[in-house]
Structures are given as C-alpha cells and as structure tokens.
C-alpha cells in the first residue's frame, strides 16, 4: 500500500514532526505547519492550494474533464475547488481520497468517494493528522493513538 499521510497544525503550535527529504524525496511536501506524504501521486501546489490525492477519479462535467486532460487531475481539482468549494467532490466519480490544504486560509479539506472505496483515518489533537492507514497514523502521531 502506498503511504498517504498528512499533518496540519495551527501556526501558533510548532510541535510538528519533521520528515527527511532524503527518505521521502519528491513524495514529501513540508512547511512549518503542514506535511504531506504521498507515494502514489506527489503533492502539488496550485496558487495557495496544496493538493494531494489517491485514486484515479473521473470528472462528470466536460469542462473539468478537459482541464484534467490538458493539465492533470490536481490542476482540475484546484480549479473545481476554487469554483465550487467542498461541493467539488460531487462532480467526481470513482474511488479516491483527497486532501486540499489552503495555505492562505489555513484550512484542510479531506474527502473520500461516495462508496467508501478510499479509506481515511484521522486524529485531531493540537492539529490534524490523517492517513489511509491507521498504522501509519499511529507511527507518526505525537499523541495517544488508541482508537475510540
């Protein structure tokens, strides 16, 4: 299974885990307040949005299909999110896990497909940690990782 992991902490709390660029290479996108690791699709930055996703979703609208065809899925997702906000996932078909971090607003948007094919576990504790694997979440968590 490919690692899909993210960490977003409030800007006033700098107690984040630091990850090695040597270990993760281009699969890692890290700032002072966010970390995204995605071994399947490298996280991409589009203006103030950091986009990370798993899966091969398809668009249900021709305009977003065309953007995906010309510029890739992350670009089309950035455009859809800027236009429709969280409702953009309603225009997707297929299995996926999506993370969009808006650096300007300091907000994280997480979504999985309607059928629940994509898996996502998360933990809120002085920020947000999420992963497609509970074991990965437990490995990188700085806090209690018992499941409730």
N, C-alpha and C. Protein backbone atom coordinates (compact mmCIF):
# COMPACT_ATOMS: atom_id res chain seq x y z
N UNK A 1 0.85 -1.17 0.00
CA UNK A 1 0.00 0.00 0.00
C UNK A 1 0.90 1.24 0.00
N UNK A 2 0.55 2.22 -0.82
CA UNK A 2 1.28 3.48 -0.85
C UNK A 2 0.95 4.31 0.38
N UNK A 3 1.95 4.98 0.92
CA UNK A 3 1.75 5.85 2.08
C UNK A 3 1.06 7.13 1.64
N UNK A 4 -0.03 7.47 2.31
CA UNK A 4 -0.73 8.73 2.14
C UNK A 4 -0.91 9.28 3.54
N UNK A 5 -0.22 10.36 3.86
CA UNK A 5 -0.21 10.88 5.22
C UNK A 5 -0.19 12.39 5.17
N UNK A 6 -0.84 13.01 6.14
CA UNK A 6 -0.79 14.46 6.24
C UNK A 6 -0.84 14.91 7.67
N UNK A 7 -0.28 16.08 7.88
CA UNK A 7 -0.25 16.70 9.20
C UNK A 7 -0.44 18.20 8.99
N UNK A 8 -1.41 18.77 9.67
CA UNK A 8 -1.62 20.22 9.63
C UNK A 8 -1.81 20.68 11.06
N UNK A 9 -0.98 21.61 11.49
CA UNK A 9 -1.06 22.10 12.86
C UNK A 9 -1.30 23.60 12.84
N UNK A 10 -1.93 24.13 13.89
CA UNK A 10 -2.12 25.58 13.95
C UNK A 10 -0.78 26.30 13.89
N UNK A 11 -0.73 27.44 13.25
CA UNK A 11 0.53 28.16 13.07
C UNK A 11 1.17 28.58 14.40
N UNK A 12 0.39 28.68 15.47
CA UNK A 12 0.96 29.06 16.77
C UNK A 12 1.59 27.87 17.49
N UNK A 13 1.40 26.65 16.99
CA UNK A 13 1.95 25.45 17.63
C UNK A 13 2.94 24.80 16.67
N UNK A 14 4.21 24.91 16.93
CA UNK A 14 5.24 24.41 16.02
C UNK A 14 5.73 23.01 16.40
N UNK A 15 4.93 22.25 17.15
CA UNK A 15 5.36 20.93 17.61
C UNK A 15 5.08 19.84 16.57
N UNK A 16 5.42 20.09 15.34
CA UNK A 16 5.16 19.10 14.30
C UNK A 16 6.34 18.15 14.15
N UNK A 17 6.09 17.01 13.58
CA UNK A 17 7.14 16.05 13.27
C UNK A 17 7.86 16.52 12.02
N UNK A 18 9.18 16.48 12.04
CA UNK A 18 9.95 16.84 10.85
C UNK A 18 10.32 15.57 10.10
N UNK A 19 10.16 15.58 8.81
CA UNK A 19 10.42 14.41 7.98
C UNK A 19 11.63 14.67 7.10
N UNK A 20 12.31 13.60 6.75
CA UNK A 20 13.53 13.70 5.97
C UNK A 20 13.23 13.74 4.47
N UNK A 21 13.70 14.79 3.80
CA UNK A 21 13.57 14.88 2.35
C UNK A 21 14.36 13.76 1.68
N UNK A 22 15.45 13.34 2.31
CA UNK A 22 16.26 12.25 1.77
C UNK A 22 15.44 10.96 1.76
N UNK A 23 14.71 10.69 2.86
CA UNK A 23 13.93 9.47 2.96
C UNK A 23 12.72 9.48 2.02
N UNK A 24 12.02 10.61 1.94
CA UNK A 24 10.75 10.66 1.21
C UNK A 24 10.88 11.27 -0.19
N UNK A 25 11.93 12.04 -0.45
CA UNK A 25 12.14 12.63 -1.79
C UNK A 25 10.96 13.45 -2.26
N UNK A 26 10.59 13.33 -3.55
CA UNK A 26 9.53 14.17 -4.10
C UNK A 26 8.14 13.80 -3.60
N UNK A 27 8.01 12.71 -2.82
CA UNK A 27 6.69 12.36 -2.28
C UNK A 27 6.33 13.24 -1.09
N UNK A 28 7.30 14.06 -0.64
CA UNK A 28 7.11 14.89 0.56
C UNK A 28 6.92 16.35 0.19
N UNK A 29 5.90 16.98 0.80
CA UNK A 29 5.72 18.43 0.73
C UNK A 29 5.62 18.88 2.18
N UNK A 30 6.54 19.74 2.63
CA UNK A 30 6.57 20.12 4.04
C UNK A 30 6.81 21.60 4.21
N UNK A 31 6.05 22.20 5.13
CA UNK A 31 6.27 23.59 5.55
C UNK A 31 6.32 23.59 7.07
N UNK A 32 6.34 24.77 7.67
CA UNK A 32 6.35 24.86 9.13
C UNK A 32 5.09 24.27 9.76
N UNK A 33 3.96 24.36 9.06
CA UNK A 33 2.68 23.94 9.66
C UNK A 33 2.02 22.76 8.95
N UNK A 34 2.56 22.30 7.85
CA UNK A 34 1.95 21.17 7.15
C UNK A 34 3.00 20.18 6.66
N UNK A 35 2.57 18.95 6.55
CA UNK A 35 3.37 17.90 5.94
C UNK A 35 2.42 17.03 5.14
N UNK A 36 2.78 16.72 3.91
CA UNK A 36 2.02 15.77 3.11
C UNK A 36 2.99 14.77 2.51
N UNK A 37 2.70 13.50 2.69
CA UNK A 37 3.49 12.44 2.08
C UNK A 37 2.53 11.61 1.24
N UNK A 38 2.87 11.42 -0.02
CA UNK A 38 2.03 10.64 -0.91
C UNK A 38 2.94 9.90 -1.88
N UNK A 39 3.07 8.61 -1.70
CA UNK A 39 3.95 7.81 -2.55
C UNK A 39 3.33 7.52 -3.91
N UNK A 40 2.04 7.73 -4.06
CA UNK A 40 1.35 7.41 -5.30
C UNK A 40 1.34 8.60 -6.27
N UNK A 41 0.90 9.75 -5.80
CA UNK A 41 0.83 10.97 -6.59
C UNK A 41 1.50 12.07 -5.78
N UNK A 42 2.57 12.63 -6.26
CA UNK A 42 3.28 13.65 -5.49
C UNK A 42 2.36 14.83 -5.22
N UNK A 43 2.38 15.36 -3.99
CA UNK A 43 1.59 16.56 -3.69
C UNK A 43 1.98 17.70 -4.63
N UNK A 44 0.98 18.45 -5.07
CA UNK A 44 1.20 19.57 -6.00
C UNK A 44 0.69 20.87 -5.39
N UNK A 45 1.37 21.96 -5.71
CA UNK A 45 0.96 23.29 -5.24
C UNK A 45 0.36 24.06 -6.41
N UNK A 46 -0.85 24.58 -6.20
CA UNK A 46 -1.54 25.40 -7.19
C UNK A 46 -2.01 26.67 -6.49
N UNK A 47 -1.29 27.76 -6.73
CA UNK A 47 -1.54 29.02 -6.03
C UNK A 47 -1.45 28.78 -4.52
N UNK A 48 -2.52 29.03 -3.78
CA UNK A 48 -2.46 28.84 -2.32
C UNK A 48 -2.88 27.43 -1.91
N UNK A 49 -3.21 26.56 -2.86
CA UNK A 49 -3.69 25.22 -2.55
C UNK A 49 -2.60 24.17 -2.70
N UNK A 50 -2.49 23.29 -1.71
CA UNK A 50 -1.63 22.12 -1.81
C UNK A 50 -2.59 20.94 -2.00
N UNK A 51 -2.42 20.21 -3.09
CA UNK A 51 -3.33 19.13 -3.46
C UNK A 51 -2.60 17.79 -3.35
N UNK A 52 -3.24 16.86 -2.66
CA UNK A 52 -2.71 15.50 -2.56
C UNK A 52 -3.90 14.55 -2.69
N UNK A 53 -3.72 13.47 -3.44
CA UNK A 53 -4.84 12.56 -3.65
C UNK A 53 -4.35 11.15 -3.95
N UNK A 54 -5.24 10.19 -3.73
CA UNK A 54 -5.05 8.81 -4.13
C UNK A 54 -6.21 8.43 -5.03
N UNK A 55 -5.98 7.53 -5.95
CA UNK A 55 -7.04 7.04 -6.82
C UNK A 55 -6.97 7.68 -8.20
N UNK A 56 -7.89 7.27 -9.05
CA UNK A 56 -7.99 7.79 -10.41
C UNK A 56 -9.43 8.23 -10.68
N UNK A 57 -9.91 9.23 -9.95
CA UNK A 57 -11.29 9.66 -10.16
C UNK A 57 -11.48 10.32 -11.53
N UNK A 58 -12.70 10.27 -12.01
CA UNK A 58 -13.05 10.93 -13.27
C UNK A 58 -14.07 12.02 -12.99
N UNK A 59 -14.04 13.04 -13.82
CA UNK A 59 -14.98 14.16 -13.68
C UNK A 59 -16.27 13.85 -14.43
N UNK A 60 -17.37 14.34 -13.90
CA UNK A 60 -18.68 14.16 -14.53
C UNK A 60 -19.07 15.33 -15.41
N UNK A 61 -18.22 16.37 -15.46
CA UNK A 61 -18.50 17.53 -16.31
C UNK A 61 -17.42 17.66 -17.38
N UNK A 62 -17.83 18.08 -18.56
CA UNK A 62 -16.90 18.13 -19.70
C UNK A 62 -15.80 19.17 -19.50
N UNK A 63 -16.11 20.31 -18.87
CA UNK A 63 -15.08 21.35 -18.69
C UNK A 63 -13.95 20.87 -17.77
N UNK A 64 -14.29 20.18 -16.68
CA UNK A 64 -13.27 19.66 -15.78
C UNK A 64 -12.52 18.48 -16.40
N UNK A 65 -13.22 17.67 -17.22
CA UNK A 65 -12.55 16.59 -17.96
C UNK A 65 -11.49 17.16 -18.89
N UNK A 66 -11.81 18.26 -19.53
CA UNK A 66 -10.87 18.89 -20.47
C UNK A 66 -9.65 19.45 -19.73
N UNK A 67 -9.88 20.09 -18.59
CA UNK A 67 -8.75 20.61 -17.80
C UNK A 67 -7.86 19.45 -17.33
N UNK A 68 -8.47 18.36 -16.87
CA UNK A 68 -7.70 17.19 -16.45
C UNK A 68 -6.88 16.64 -17.62
N UNK A 69 -7.50 16.55 -18.77
CA UNK A 69 -6.83 16.02 -19.96
C UNK A 69 -5.62 16.87 -20.34
N UNK A 70 -5.75 18.19 -20.26
CA UNK A 70 -4.69 19.10 -20.68
C UNK A 70 -3.63 19.33 -19.61
N UNK A 71 -4.06 19.38 -18.32
CA UNK A 71 -3.14 19.81 -17.27
C UNK A 71 -2.99 18.83 -16.10
N UNK A 72 -3.77 17.75 -16.07
CA UNK A 72 -3.69 16.78 -15.00
C UNK A 72 -4.79 16.94 -13.97
N UNK A 73 -4.95 15.89 -13.17
CA UNK A 73 -6.05 15.87 -12.21
C UNK A 73 -5.90 16.94 -11.13
N UNK A 74 -4.70 17.12 -10.59
CA UNK A 74 -4.52 18.10 -9.50
C UNK A 74 -4.91 19.50 -9.93
N UNK A 75 -4.56 19.87 -11.15
CA UNK A 75 -4.94 21.20 -11.67
C UNK A 75 -6.45 21.31 -11.80
N UNK A 76 -7.08 20.26 -12.32
CA UNK A 76 -8.54 20.30 -12.47
C UNK A 76 -9.22 20.33 -11.11
N UNK A 77 -8.66 19.63 -10.12
CA UNK A 77 -9.22 19.66 -8.78
C UNK A 77 -9.07 21.04 -8.14
N UNK A 78 -7.93 21.67 -8.35
CA UNK A 78 -7.73 23.03 -7.82
C UNK A 78 -8.77 23.98 -8.41
N UNK A 79 -8.99 23.89 -9.71
CA UNK A 79 -9.99 24.75 -10.38
C UNK A 79 -11.39 24.47 -9.83
N UNK A 80 -11.73 23.19 -9.70
CA UNK A 80 -13.05 22.82 -9.18
C UNK A 80 -13.24 23.31 -7.75
N UNK A 81 -12.21 23.19 -6.93
CA UNK A 81 -12.31 23.62 -5.54
C UNK A 81 -12.43 25.14 -5.45
N UNK A 82 -11.69 25.85 -6.27
CA UNK A 82 -11.77 27.31 -6.27
C UNK A 82 -13.16 27.78 -6.73
N UNK A 83 -13.79 27.04 -7.62
CA UNK A 83 -15.10 27.42 -8.14
C UNK A 83 -16.24 26.94 -7.24
N UNK A 84 -16.17 25.70 -6.77
CA UNK A 84 -17.30 25.09 -6.06
C UNK A 84 -17.06 24.82 -4.59
N UNK A 85 -15.83 25.04 -4.11
CA UNK A 85 -15.53 24.72 -2.72
C UNK A 85 -15.65 23.23 -2.47
N UNK A 86 -16.02 22.82 -1.24
CA UNK A 86 -16.13 21.40 -0.92
C UNK A 86 -17.12 20.63 -1.80
N UNK A 87 -18.07 21.32 -2.40
CA UNK A 87 -19.04 20.65 -3.26
C UNK A 87 -18.41 20.07 -4.53
N UNK A 88 -17.15 20.39 -4.79
CA UNK A 88 -16.48 19.90 -5.99
C UNK A 88 -16.45 18.38 -6.06
N UNK A 89 -16.45 17.70 -4.92
CA UNK A 89 -16.39 16.24 -4.94
C UNK A 89 -17.66 15.63 -5.50
N UNK A 90 -18.73 16.38 -5.54
CA UNK A 90 -19.98 15.91 -6.14
C UNK A 90 -19.87 15.73 -7.64
N UNK A 91 -18.84 16.29 -8.24
CA UNK A 91 -18.63 16.18 -9.69
C UNK A 91 -17.65 15.05 -10.02
N UNK A 92 -17.28 14.25 -9.01
CA UNK A 92 -16.30 13.17 -9.22
C UNK A 92 -16.97 11.80 -9.19
N UNK A 93 -16.38 10.89 -9.93
CA UNK A 93 -16.82 9.51 -9.97
C UNK A 93 -15.59 8.61 -9.76
N UNK A 94 -15.78 7.47 -9.09
CA UNK A 94 -14.67 6.55 -8.88
C UNK A 94 -14.14 6.64 -7.46
N UNK A 95 -13.18 5.77 -7.16
CA UNK A 95 -12.60 5.72 -5.82
C UNK A 95 -11.49 6.75 -5.65
N UNK A 96 -11.50 7.44 -4.51
CA UNK A 96 -10.46 8.44 -4.26
C UNK A 96 -10.38 8.82 -2.79
N UNK A 97 -9.25 9.38 -2.43
CA UNK A 97 -9.03 10.09 -1.17
C UNK A 97 -8.40 11.41 -1.58
N UNK A 98 -8.94 12.51 -1.08
CA UNK A 98 -8.46 13.84 -1.47
C UNK A 98 -8.13 14.66 -0.23
N UNK A 99 -7.02 15.38 -0.31
CA UNK A 99 -6.67 16.39 0.69
C UNK A 99 -6.34 17.67 -0.05
N UNK A 100 -6.98 18.74 0.36
CA UNK A 100 -6.67 20.07 -0.17
C UNK A 100 -6.36 20.96 1.03
N UNK A 101 -5.16 21.50 1.06
CA UNK A 101 -4.79 22.44 2.12
C UNK A 101 -4.71 23.83 1.51
N UNK A 102 -5.51 24.74 2.03
CA UNK A 102 -5.49 26.14 1.59
C UNK A 102 -4.54 26.89 2.52
N UNK A 103 -3.35 27.21 2.00
CA UNK A 103 -2.34 27.88 2.82
C UNK A 103 -2.77 29.28 3.22
N UNK A 104 -3.51 29.95 2.36
CA UNK A 104 -3.96 31.30 2.64
C UNK A 104 -4.98 31.32 3.79
N UNK A 105 -5.93 30.39 3.76
CA UNK A 105 -6.98 30.32 4.78
C UNK A 105 -6.62 29.43 5.96
N UNK A 106 -5.51 28.67 5.83
CA UNK A 106 -5.08 27.69 6.82
C UNK A 106 -6.22 26.71 7.13
N UNK A 107 -6.82 26.16 6.07
CA UNK A 107 -7.90 25.18 6.19
C UNK A 107 -7.54 23.93 5.43
N UNK A 108 -7.96 22.79 5.98
CA UNK A 108 -7.75 21.50 5.34
C UNK A 108 -9.10 20.93 4.95
N UNK A 109 -9.21 20.45 3.71
CA UNK A 109 -10.41 19.77 3.23
C UNK A 109 -10.03 18.34 2.90
N UNK A 110 -10.72 17.38 3.53
CA UNK A 110 -10.49 15.96 3.28
C UNK A 110 -11.78 15.35 2.75
N UNK A 111 -11.64 14.45 1.79
CA UNK A 111 -12.82 13.77 1.24
C UNK A 111 -12.46 12.39 0.74
N UNK A 112 -13.43 11.48 0.85
CA UNK A 112 -13.32 10.18 0.21
C UNK A 112 -14.52 10.03 -0.72
N UNK A 113 -14.45 9.05 -1.60
CA UNK A 113 -15.53 8.85 -2.57
C UNK A 113 -16.83 8.41 -1.88
N UNK A 114 -17.92 8.55 -2.61
CA UNK A 114 -19.25 8.26 -2.08
C UNK A 114 -19.43 6.81 -1.64
N UNK A 115 -18.76 5.89 -2.31
CA UNK A 115 -18.91 4.47 -2.00
C UNK A 115 -17.98 4.01 -0.88
N UNK A 116 -17.06 4.86 -0.46
CA UNK A 116 -16.14 4.50 0.61
C UNK A 116 -15.04 3.55 0.17
N UNK A 117 -14.70 3.59 -1.12
CA UNK A 117 -13.61 2.75 -1.63
C UNK A 117 -12.29 3.23 -1.04
N UNK A 118 -12.10 4.55 -1.05
CA UNK A 118 -10.92 5.15 -0.43
C UNK A 118 -11.09 5.15 1.08
N UNK A 119 -10.00 4.88 1.80
CA UNK A 119 -10.06 4.87 3.27
C UNK A 119 -9.29 6.07 3.81
N UNK A 120 -9.77 6.58 4.95
CA UNK A 120 -9.09 7.71 5.57
C UNK A 120 -9.35 7.67 7.07
N UNK A 121 -8.27 7.67 7.83
CA UNK A 121 -8.36 7.77 9.29
C UNK A 121 -7.75 9.10 9.68
N UNK A 122 -8.24 9.70 10.76
CA UNK A 122 -7.68 10.98 11.18
C UNK A 122 -7.68 11.09 12.69
N UNK A 123 -6.87 12.03 13.17
CA UNK A 123 -6.78 12.31 14.59
C UNK A 123 -6.67 13.82 14.76
N UNK A 124 -7.49 14.37 15.65
CA UNK A 124 -7.41 15.79 15.97
C UNK A 124 -6.84 15.92 17.38
N UNK A 125 -5.72 16.61 17.49
CA UNK A 125 -5.12 16.86 18.79
C UNK A 125 -4.03 17.90 18.55
N UNK A 126 -4.34 19.17 18.83
CA UNK A 126 -3.42 20.27 18.51
C UNK A 126 -3.09 20.29 17.02
N UNK A 127 -4.07 20.03 16.23
CA UNK A 127 -3.90 19.97 14.79
C UNK A 127 -4.58 18.74 14.24
N UNK A 128 -4.27 18.43 13.01
CA UNK A 128 -4.92 17.32 12.32
C UNK A 128 -3.87 16.41 11.71
N UNK A 129 -4.00 15.12 11.97
CA UNK A 129 -3.19 14.11 11.31
C UNK A 129 -4.16 13.19 10.57
N UNK A 130 -3.78 12.75 9.38
CA UNK A 130 -4.65 11.84 8.64
C UNK A 130 -3.80 10.92 7.77
N UNK A 131 -4.38 9.76 7.46
CA UNK A 131 -3.68 8.77 6.65
C UNK A 131 -4.68 7.77 6.09
N UNK A 132 -4.27 7.09 5.04
CA UNK A 132 -5.07 5.99 4.51
C UNK A 132 -4.82 4.71 5.30
N UNK A 133 -3.96 4.77 6.31
CA UNK A 133 -3.62 3.60 7.12
C UNK A 133 -3.56 4.00 8.59
N UNK A 134 -4.26 3.25 9.41
CA UNK A 134 -4.22 3.52 10.85
C UNK A 134 -2.81 3.29 11.38
N UNK A 135 -2.11 2.28 10.87
CA UNK A 135 -0.74 2.01 11.33
C UNK A 135 0.19 3.19 11.01
N UNK A 136 0.03 3.80 9.85
CA UNK A 136 0.85 4.96 9.50
C UNK A 136 0.51 6.13 10.42
N UNK A 137 -0.76 6.32 10.70
CA UNK A 137 -1.18 7.38 11.62
C UNK A 137 -0.57 7.16 13.00
N UNK A 138 -0.60 5.93 13.48
CA UNK A 138 -0.01 5.63 14.78
C UNK A 138 1.50 5.83 14.77
N UNK A 139 2.15 5.50 13.68
CA UNK A 139 3.60 5.63 13.58
C UNK A 139 4.06 7.08 13.72
N UNK A 140 3.33 8.01 13.10
CA UNK A 140 3.76 9.40 13.08
C UNK A 140 3.10 10.29 14.13
N UNK A 141 2.16 9.76 14.88
CA UNK A 141 1.45 10.57 15.86
C UNK A 141 2.35 10.92 17.04
N UNK A 142 2.20 12.16 17.52
CA UNK A 142 2.93 12.60 18.71
C UNK A 142 2.12 12.37 19.99
N UNK A 143 0.88 11.88 19.82
CA UNK A 143 -0.04 11.76 20.96
C UNK A 143 -0.57 10.33 21.05
N UNK A 144 -1.44 10.12 22.02
CA UNK A 144 -2.09 8.82 22.21
C UNK A 144 -2.82 8.43 20.92
N UNK A 145 -2.59 7.20 20.47
CA UNK A 145 -3.20 6.76 19.22
C UNK A 145 -4.20 5.64 19.42
N UNK A 146 -4.73 5.52 20.64
CA UNK A 146 -5.74 4.49 20.83
C UNK A 146 -6.98 4.85 20.03
N UNK A 147 -7.66 3.82 19.59
CA UNK A 147 -8.84 4.02 18.74
C UNK A 147 -10.06 4.08 19.65
N UNK A 148 -10.92 5.08 19.40
CA UNK A 148 -12.14 5.18 20.22
C UNK A 148 -13.36 4.95 19.38
